[in-house]
């Protein structure tokens, strides 16, 4: 189900740091584009949302796609799939489509949903402070992701339902978990909209730059080396030099 394009004018810093990194991001991306020198670049990047049931994954996606929130979401059965084009005005020759897979968190769907992990370029591992053990369960979700052979992907550990105050010790623990996983840590609220668009904008920007790097690397690998000149020995003597008007 395709959605209206998301226009990204401002790219936030990692982990929701209130710092505009649009300039440096665009400079690096434009450098990559210049090296590619092949006109428009179009990419589709797969991202997947993992996490226990009822932590707020679907609410997060619906806030991003529809700017909508309700208390009456039902648990996802299997997987739900969405796409959304993303436009970067600073890079008009680049087009990115986010392919978003929202997975069920219930144990009985694990064997089904794990088949969709493969080829993911980014993963959001969601949890909620109001769901007991959902913080430590993020390690289990990462373990399952690795078991499916997904290793080289961007990881975002995302706290949902942050419209209420949370104990600082729990927040500190969540940051430590993200750090141990080599992930960015974000705090969001689908109810209020806190950091939702910023999170997905950050994911999209990182994926686009990564895709440009991969395209450049592919281009370099496909370039064939110049064939060497091979000198062959012969038993025939070379012909005598021709006389010219300048020869003695």
C-alpha atoms as a PDB file:
ATOM      1  CA  UNK A   1       0.000   0.000   0.000  1.00  0.00           C
ATOM      2  CA  UNK A   2       1.799   3.130  -1.266  1.00  0.00           C
ATOM      3  CA  UNK A   3       1.557   6.399   0.647  1.00  0.00           C
ATOM      4  CA  UNK A   4       2.091  10.046  -0.168  1.00  0.00           C
ATOM      5  CA  UNK A   5       5.762  10.960  -0.560  1.00  0.00           C
ATOM      6  CA  UNK A   6       7.531  12.168   2.544  1.00  0.00           C
ATOM      7  CA  UNK A   7       9.546  15.325   1.854  1.00  0.00           C
ATOM      8  CA  UNK A   8      12.627  15.464   4.074  1.00  0.00           C
ATOM      9  CA  UNK A   9      14.006  18.983   4.380  1.00  0.00           C
ATOM     10  CA  UNK A  10      15.784  18.473   7.689  1.00  0.00           C
ATOM     11  CA  UNK A  11      17.787  15.439   8.755  1.00  0.00           C
ATOM     12  CA  UNK A  12      18.202  14.973  12.519  1.00  0.00           C
ATOM     13  CA  UNK A  13      21.351  13.826  14.211  1.00  0.00           C
ATOM     14  CA  UNK A  14      21.761  10.285  15.544  1.00  0.00           C
ATOM     15  CA  UNK A  15      19.466   9.138  18.338  1.00  0.00           C
ATOM     16  CA  UNK A  16      17.234  12.167  17.998  1.00  0.00           C
ATOM     17  CA  UNK A  17      19.920  14.639  19.004  1.00  0.00           C
ATOM     18  CA  UNK A  18      18.412  18.061  18.213  1.00  0.00           C
ATOM     19  CA  UNK A  19      21.092  18.915  15.687  1.00  0.00           C
ATOM     20  CA  UNK A  20      20.499  19.578  12.017  1.00  0.00           C
ATOM     21  CA  UNK A  21      22.982  17.458  10.056  1.00  0.00           C
ATOM     22  CA  UNK A  22      21.347  18.173   6.684  1.00  0.00           C
ATOM     23  CA  UNK A  23      24.288  20.200   5.373  1.00  0.00           C
ATOM     24  CA  UNK A  24      27.024  17.673   6.094  1.00  0.00           C
ATOM     25  CA  UNK A  25      24.777  14.784   5.018  1.00  0.00           C
ATOM     26  CA  UNK A  26      23.966  16.460   1.700  1.00  0.00           C
ATOM     27  CA  UNK A  27      27.619  17.341   1.094  1.00  0.00           C
ATOM     28  CA  UNK A  28      28.734  13.731   1.536  1.00  0.00           C
ATOM     29  CA  UNK A  29      25.828  12.360  -0.514  1.00  0.00           C
ATOM     30  CA  UNK A  30      26.500  14.827  -3.335  1.00  0.00           C
ATOM     31  CA  UNK A  31      30.147  13.796  -3.349  1.00  0.00           C
ATOM     32  CA  UNK A  32      29.060  10.188  -3.817  1.00  0.00           C
ATOM     33  CA  UNK A  33      26.660  11.221  -6.566  1.00  0.00           C
ATOM     34  CA  UNK A  34      29.394  13.112  -8.381  1.00  0.00           C
ATOM     35  CA  UNK A  35      31.608  10.030  -8.324  1.00  0.00           C
ATOM     36  CA  UNK A  36      28.756   7.904  -9.658  1.00  0.00           C
ATOM     37  CA  UNK A  37      28.130  10.412 -12.489  1.00  0.00           C
ATOM     38  CA  UNK A  38      25.253   8.348 -13.855  1.00  0.00           C
ATOM     39  CA  UNK A  39      22.209  10.608 -13.650  1.00  0.00           C
ATOM     40  CA  UNK A  40      19.214   9.771 -11.486  1.00  0.00           C
ATOM     41  CA  UNK A  41      19.543   7.170  -8.764  1.00  0.00           C
ATOM     42  CA  UNK A  42      16.469   5.222  -7.628  1.00  0.00           C
ATOM     43  CA  UNK A  43      16.528   2.854  -4.674  1.00  0.00           C
ATOM     44  CA  UNK A  44      14.106   0.731  -2.675  1.00  0.00           C
ATOM     45  CA  UNK A  45      15.290  -0.093   0.831  1.00  0.00           C
ATOM     46  CA  UNK A  46      13.713  -2.684   3.079  1.00  0.00           C
ATOM     47  CA  UNK A  47      13.210  -1.915   6.738  1.00  0.00           C
ATOM     48  CA  UNK A  48      11.534  -4.158   9.292  1.00  0.00           C
ATOM     49  CA  UNK A  49       9.977  -3.512  12.697  1.00  0.00           C
ATOM     50  CA  UNK A  50      10.533  -6.112  15.422  1.00  0.00           C
ATOM     51  CA  UNK A  51       9.501  -6.233  19.051  1.00  0.00           C
ATOM     52  CA  UNK A  52       7.149  -7.839  21.530  1.00  0.00           C
ATOM     53  CA  UNK A  53       3.392  -7.668  21.043  1.00  0.00           C
ATOM     54  CA  UNK A  54       1.654  -4.458  22.126  1.00  0.00           C
ATOM     55  CA  UNK A  55       4.818  -2.356  22.494  1.00  0.00           C
ATOM     56  CA  UNK A  56       3.553   0.074  19.822  1.00  0.00           C
ATOM     57  CA  UNK A  57       5.106  -0.960  16.486  1.00  0.00           C
ATOM     58  CA  UNK A  58       1.938  -0.603  14.410  1.00  0.00           C
ATOM     59  CA  UNK A  59       1.035   2.695  16.078  1.00  0.00           C
ATOM     60  CA  UNK A  60       4.491   3.987  15.164  1.00  0.00           C
ATOM     61  CA  UNK A  61       4.051   3.016  11.508  1.00  0.00           C
ATOM     62  CA  UNK A  62       0.535   4.436  11.257  1.00  0.00           C
ATOM     63  CA  UNK A  63       1.609   7.748  12.763  1.00  0.00           C
ATOM     64  CA  UNK A  64       4.380   7.970  10.152  1.00  0.00           C
ATOM     65  CA  UNK A  65       2.249   6.886   7.199  1.00  0.00           C
ATOM     66  CA  UNK A  66      -1.143   8.408   8.042  1.00  0.00           C
ATOM     67  CA  UNK A  67      -0.393  10.903  10.833  1.00  0.00           C
ATOM     68  CA  UNK A  68      -2.976   8.927  12.755  1.00  0.00           C
ATOM     69  CA  UNK A  69      -3.235   7.307  16.181  1.00  0.00           C
ATOM     70  CA  UNK A  70      -5.889   5.282  17.985  1.00  0.00           C
ATOM     71  CA  UNK A  71      -6.068   3.251  21.162  1.00  0.00           C
ATOM     72  CA  UNK A  72      -7.977   0.493  19.371  1.00  0.00           C
ATOM     73  CA  UNK A  73      -5.229  -1.183  17.346  1.00  0.00           C
ATOM     74  CA  UNK A  74      -5.443  -4.951  17.115  1.00  0.00           C
ATOM     75  CA  UNK A  75      -2.348  -7.111  17.291  1.00  0.00           C
ATOM     76  CA  UNK A  76      -0.683  -7.628  13.911  1.00  0.00           C
ATOM     77  CA  UNK A  77      -1.231 -11.095  12.455  1.00  0.00           C
ATOM     78  CA  UNK A  78       1.831 -12.241  10.553  1.00  0.00           C
ATOM     79  CA  UNK A  79       3.174  -9.186   8.754  1.00  0.00           C
ATOM     80  CA  UNK A  80       1.845  -5.967   7.255  1.00  0.00           C
ATOM     81  CA  UNK A  81       3.607  -4.338   4.305  1.00  0.00           C
ATOM     82  CA  UNK A  82       3.724  -0.686   3.287  1.00  0.00           C
ATOM     83  CA  UNK A  83       5.771   1.501   0.986  1.00  0.00           C
ATOM     84  CA  UNK A  84       6.448   5.198   1.092  1.00  0.00           C
ATOM     85  CA  UNK A  85       8.477   7.325  -1.342  1.00  0.00           C
ATOM     86  CA  UNK A  86      10.902   9.726   0.288  1.00  0.00           C
ATOM     87  CA  UNK A  87      12.076  12.916  -1.408  1.00  0.00           C
ATOM     88  CA  UNK A  88      15.204  14.838  -0.419  1.00  0.00           C
ATOM     89  CA  UNK A  89      15.094  18.379  -1.878  1.00  0.00           C
ATOM     90  CA  UNK A  90      18.858  18.695  -1.382  1.00  0.00           C
ATOM     91  CA  UNK A  91      19.325  15.662  -3.655  1.00  0.00           C
ATOM     92  CA  UNK A  92      16.765  16.089  -6.445  1.00  0.00           C
ATOM     93  CA  UNK A  93      18.336  13.378  -8.616  1.00  0.00           C
ATOM     94  CA  UNK A  94      17.855  10.687  -5.932  1.00  0.00           C
ATOM     95  CA  UNK A  95      14.676   8.768  -5.243  1.00  0.00           C
ATOM     96  CA  UNK A  96      14.199   6.429  -2.308  1.00  0.00           C
ATOM     97  CA  UNK A  97      11.254   4.177  -1.482  1.00  0.00           C
ATOM     98  CA  UNK A  98      10.986   2.748   2.005  1.00  0.00           C
ATOM     99  CA  UNK A  99       9.579  -0.789   2.010  1.00  0.00           C
ATOM    100  CA  UNK A 100       8.266  -1.155   5.571  1.00  0.00           C
ATOM    101  CA  UNK A 101       7.490  -4.554   7.091  1.00  0.00           C
ATOM    102  CA  UNK A 102       5.559  -4.452  10.373  1.00  0.00           C
ATOM    103  CA  UNK A 103       5.802  -7.864  12.045  1.00  0.00           C
ATOM    104  CA  UNK A 104       3.735  -9.602  14.697  1.00  0.00           C
ATOM    105  CA  UNK A 105       5.292  -9.863  18.124  1.00  0.00           C
ATOM    106  CA  UNK A 106       3.468 -12.954  19.352  1.00  0.00           C
ATOM    107  CA  UNK A 107       5.478 -16.117  19.840  1.00  0.00           C
ATOM    108  CA  UNK A 108       3.173 -18.202  17.619  1.00  0.00           C
ATOM    109  CA  UNK A 109       4.019 -16.088  14.563  1.00  0.00           C
ATOM    110  CA  UNK A 110       7.814 -16.209  14.956  1.00  0.00           C
ATOM    111  CA  UNK A 111       8.396 -18.985  12.413  1.00  0.00           C
ATOM    112  CA  UNK A 112       6.298 -17.076   9.866  1.00  0.00           C
ATOM    113  CA  UNK A 113       7.661 -13.602  10.388  1.00  0.00           C
ATOM    114  CA  UNK A 114      11.325 -14.634  10.576  1.00  0.00           C
ATOM    115  CA  UNK A 115      11.204 -15.472   6.869  1.00  0.00           C
ATOM    116  CA  UNK A 116      10.723 -11.751   6.194  1.00  0.00           C
ATOM    117  CA  UNK A 117      13.886 -10.685   8.034  1.00  0.00           C
ATOM    118  CA  UNK A 118      16.205 -11.452   5.138  1.00  0.00           C
ATOM    119  CA  UNK A 119      17.572  -8.663   2.958  1.00  0.00           C
ATOM    120  CA  UNK A 120      16.605  -6.022   5.511  1.00  0.00           C
ATOM    121  CA  UNK A 121      18.726  -2.886   5.277  1.00  0.00           C
ATOM    122  CA  UNK A 122      17.440  -1.384   8.526  1.00  0.00           C
ATOM    123  CA  UNK A 123      15.641  -2.730  11.570  1.00  0.00           C
ATOM    124  CA  UNK A 124      13.679  -0.944  14.269  1.00  0.00           C
ATOM    125  CA  UNK A 125      13.588  -3.027  17.451  1.00  0.00           C
ATOM    126  CA  UNK A 126      10.760  -1.509  19.450  1.00  0.00           C
ATOM    127  CA  UNK A 127       9.988  -1.809  23.143  1.00  0.00           C
ATOM    128  CA  UNK A 128       7.893  -0.019  25.725  1.00  0.00           C
ATOM    129  CA  UNK A 129       8.743   0.819  29.311  1.00  0.00           C
ATOM    130  CA  UNK A 130       5.224  -0.255  30.343  1.00  0.00           C
ATOM    131  CA  UNK A 131       5.759  -3.813  29.049  1.00  0.00           C
ATOM    132  CA  UNK A 132       7.729  -5.887  31.518  1.00  0.00           C
ATOM    133  CA  UNK A 133      10.983  -7.303  30.131  1.00  0.00           C
ATOM    134  CA  UNK A 134      10.521  -5.715  26.699  1.00  0.00           C
ATOM    135  CA  UNK A 135      13.848  -3.875  27.102  1.00  0.00           C
ATOM    136  CA  UNK A 136      15.872  -7.027  27.646  1.00  0.00           C
ATOM    137  CA  UNK A 137      13.829  -8.806  24.963  1.00  0.00           C
ATOM    138  CA  UNK A 138      15.438  -6.525  22.388  1.00  0.00           C
ATOM    139  CA  UNK A 139      18.527  -8.767  22.625  1.00  0.00           C
ATOM    140  CA  UNK A 140      16.392 -11.786  21.731  1.00  0.00           C
ATOM    141  CA  UNK A 141      15.006 -10.008  18.679  1.00  0.00           C
ATOM    142  CA  UNK A 142      18.507  -9.134  17.555  1.00  0.00           C
ATOM    143  CA  UNK A 143      19.560 -12.753  18.085  1.00  0.00           C
ATOM    144  CA  UNK A 144      16.715 -13.946  15.863  1.00  0.00           C
ATOM    145  CA  UNK A 145      17.662 -11.415  13.216  1.00  0.00           C
ATOM    146  CA  UNK A 146      21.250 -12.690  13.214  1.00  0.00           C
ATOM    147  CA  UNK A 147      20.015 -16.291  13.054  1.00  0.00           C
ATOM    148  CA  UNK A 148      18.372 -15.465   9.731  1.00  0.00           C
ATOM    149  CA  UNK A 149      21.715 -14.259   8.379  1.00  0.00           C
ATOM    150  CA  UNK A 150      20.968 -10.534   8.646  1.00  0.00           C
ATOM    151  CA  UNK A 151      24.186  -8.947   9.856  1.00  0.00           C
ATOM    152  CA  UNK A 152      25.000  -5.864   7.838  1.00  0.00           C
ATOM    153  CA  UNK A 153      21.989  -3.692   8.617  1.00  0.00           C
ATOM    154  CA  UNK A 154      21.322  -0.446  10.475  1.00  0.00           C
ATOM    155  CA  UNK A 155      19.799  -1.004  13.923  1.00  0.00           C
ATOM    156  CA  UNK A 156      17.549   1.398  15.813  1.00  0.00           C
ATOM    157  CA  UNK A 157      16.377   0.553  19.334  1.00  0.00           C
ATOM    158  CA  UNK A 158      13.182   2.531  19.809  1.00  0.00           C
ATOM    159  CA  UNK A 159      11.254   3.248  22.999  1.00  0.00           C
ATOM    160  CA  UNK A 160       7.555   3.730  22.238  1.00  0.00           C
ATOM    161  CA  UNK A 161       4.758   5.329  24.299  1.00  0.00           C
ATOM    162  CA  UNK A 162       6.995   8.064  25.677  1.00  0.00           C
ATOM    163  CA  UNK A 163       4.055  10.407  26.330  1.00  0.00           C
ATOM    164  CA  UNK A 164       4.392   9.640  30.059  1.00  0.00           C
ATOM    165  CA  UNK A 165       7.277  10.153  32.463  1.00  0.00           C
ATOM    166  CA  UNK A 166       9.705   7.257  32.741  1.00  0.00           C
ATOM    167  CA  UNK A 167      12.145   6.366  35.495  1.00  0.00           C
ATOM    168  CA  UNK A 168      15.595   7.711  34.635  1.00  0.00           C
ATOM    169  CA  UNK A 169      17.255   4.439  35.608  1.00  0.00           C
ATOM    170  CA  UNK A 170      15.138   2.585  33.047  1.00  0.00           C
ATOM    171  CA  UNK A 171      16.025   5.139  30.390  1.00  0.00           C
ATOM    172  CA  UNK A 172      19.700   4.771  31.234  1.00  0.00           C
ATOM    173  CA  UNK A 173      19.399   0.992  30.959  1.00  0.00           C
ATOM    174  CA  UNK A 174      17.728   1.309  27.557  1.00  0.00           C
ATOM    175  CA  UNK A 175      20.564   3.502  26.277  1.00  0.00           C
ATOM    176  CA  UNK A 176      23.097   0.970  27.552  1.00  0.00           C
ATOM    177  CA  UNK A 177      21.253  -1.837  25.751  1.00  0.00           C
ATOM    178  CA  UNK A 178      21.305   0.114  22.484  1.00  0.00           C
ATOM    179  CA  UNK A 179      24.995   0.820  22.913  1.00  0.00           C
ATOM    180  CA  UNK A 180      25.744  -2.856  23.513  1.00  0.00           C
ATOM    181  CA  UNK A 181      23.889  -3.682  20.306  1.00  0.00           C
ATOM    182  CA  UNK A 182      25.691  -1.019  18.277  1.00  0.00           C
ATOM    183  CA  UNK A 183      22.357   0.707  17.668  1.00  0.00           C
ATOM    184  CA  UNK A 184      20.960   4.209  17.729  1.00  0.00           C
ATOM    185  CA  UNK A 185      18.554   4.795  20.620  1.00  0.00           C
ATOM    186  CA  UNK A 186      15.344   6.775  20.076  1.00  0.00           C
ATOM    187  CA  UNK A 187      12.427   7.735  22.302  1.00  0.00           C
ATOM    188  CA  UNK A 188       9.098   8.180  20.514  1.00  0.00           C
ATOM    189  CA  UNK A 189       5.377   8.564  21.074  1.00  0.00           C
ATOM    190  CA  UNK A 190       2.880   7.649  18.379  1.00  0.00           C
ATOM    191  CA  UNK A 191       0.178   9.254  20.507  1.00  0.00           C
ATOM    192  CA  UNK A 192       1.756  12.708  20.514  1.00  0.00           C
ATOM    193  CA  UNK A 193       3.932  12.277  17.406  1.00  0.00           C
ATOM    194  CA  UNK A 194       7.138  12.774  19.404  1.00  0.00           C
ATOM    195  CA  UNK A 195      10.173  11.968  17.213  1.00  0.00           C
ATOM    196  CA  UNK A 196       8.204   9.663  14.882  1.00  0.00           C
ATOM    197  CA  UNK A 197       8.855  11.511  11.624  1.00  0.00           C
ATOM    198  CA  UNK A 198      12.373  12.368  12.763  1.00  0.00           C
ATOM    199  CA  UNK A 199      13.116   8.676  13.347  1.00  0.00           C
ATOM    200  CA  UNK A 200      11.930   7.559   9.923  1.00  0.00           C
ATOM    201  CA  UNK A 201      13.622  10.549   8.258  1.00  0.00           C
ATOM    202  CA  UNK A 202      16.861   9.522   9.928  1.00  0.00           C
ATOM    203  CA  UNK A 203      16.441   5.910   8.772  1.00  0.00           C
ATOM    204  CA  UNK A 204      15.691   7.003   5.198  1.00  0.00           C
ATOM    205  CA  UNK A 205      18.647   9.398   5.050  1.00  0.00           C
ATOM    206  CA  UNK A 206      21.057   6.760   6.361  1.00  0.00           C
ATOM    207  CA  UNK A 207      19.716   4.200   3.892  1.00  0.00           C
ATOM    208  CA  UNK A 208      20.022   6.541   0.928  1.00  0.00           C
ATOM    209  CA  UNK A 209      23.623   7.403   1.729  1.00  0.00           C
ATOM    210  CA  UNK A 210      24.392   3.736   2.259  1.00  0.00           C
ATOM    211  CA  UNK A 211      22.801   2.866  -1.107  1.00  0.00           C
ATOM    212  CA  UNK A 212      24.928   5.506  -2.834  1.00  0.00           C
ATOM    213  CA  UNK A 213      28.078   4.045  -1.266  1.00  0.00           C
ATOM    214  CA  UNK A 214      27.097   0.539  -2.361  1.00  0.00           C
ATOM    215  CA  UNK A 215      26.392   1.735  -5.910  1.00  0.00           C
ATOM    216  CA  UNK A 216      29.798   3.366  -6.052  1.00  0.00           C
ATOM    217  CA  UNK A 217      31.482   0.213  -4.760  1.00  0.00           C
ATOM    218  CA  UNK A 218      29.605  -1.923  -7.302  1.00  0.00           C
ATOM    219  CA  UNK A 219      30.682   0.400 -10.087  1.00  0.00           C
ATOM    220  CA  UNK A 220      34.312   0.148  -9.033  1.00  0.00           C
ATOM    221  CA  UNK A 221      34.178  -3.633  -8.847  1.00  0.00           C
ATOM    222  CA  UNK A 222      32.622  -3.919 -12.289  1.00  0.00           C
ATOM    223  CA  UNK A 223      35.379  -1.923 -13.971  1.00  0.00           C
ATOM    224  CA  UNK A 224      37.670  -4.391 -15.775  1.00  0.00           C
ATOM    225  CA  UNK A 225      41.459  -3.787 -15.620  1.00  0.00           C
ATOM    226  CA  UNK A 226      43.232  -2.778 -18.798  1.00  0.00           C
ATOM    227  CA  UNK A 227      44.645  -5.856 -20.498  1.00  0.00           C
ATOM    228  CA  UNK A 228      48.462  -5.918 -20.236  1.00  0.00           C
ATOM    229  CA  UNK A 229      50.594  -5.668 -23.350  1.00  0.00           C
ATOM    230  CA  UNK A 230      52.345  -9.026 -23.903  1.00  0.00           C
ATOM    231  CA  UNK A 231      55.684  -9.020 -25.740  1.00  0.00           C
ATOM    232  CA  UNK A 232      56.286 -12.246 -27.601  1.00  0.00           C
ATOM    233  CA  UNK A 233      59.754 -13.501 -28.584  1.00  0.00           C
ATOM    234  CA  UNK A 234      60.358 -14.274 -32.274  1.00  0.00           C
ATOM    235  CA  UNK A 235      63.194 -15.865 -34.233  1.00  0.00           C
ATOM    236  CA  UNK A 236      62.780 -13.483 -37.131  1.00  0.00           C
ATOM    237  CA  UNK A 237      65.082 -10.442 -37.085  1.00  0.00           C
ATOM    238  CA  UNK A 238      63.412  -7.061 -37.060  1.00  0.00           C
ATOM    239  CA  UNK A 239      63.125  -5.291 -40.429  1.00  0.00           C
ATOM    240  CA  UNK A 240      65.757  -2.648 -41.202  1.00  0.00           C
ATOM    241  CA  UNK A 241      64.738   0.913 -40.347  1.00  0.00           C
ATOM    242  CA  UNK A 242      63.320   2.940 -43.181  1.00  0.00           C
ATOM    243  CA  UNK A 243      65.373   5.865 -44.418  1.00  0.00           C
ATOM    244  CA  UNK A 244      63.848   9.251 -44.018  1.00  0.00           C
ATOM    245  CA  UNK A 245      64.826  12.689 -45.126  1.00  0.00           C
ATOM    246  CA  UNK A 246      66.445  13.196 -41.743  1.00  0.00           C
ATOM    247  CA  UNK A 247      68.483   9.942 -41.653  1.00  0.00           C
ATOM    248  CA  UNK A 248      72.168  10.043 -42.257  1.00  0.00           C
END
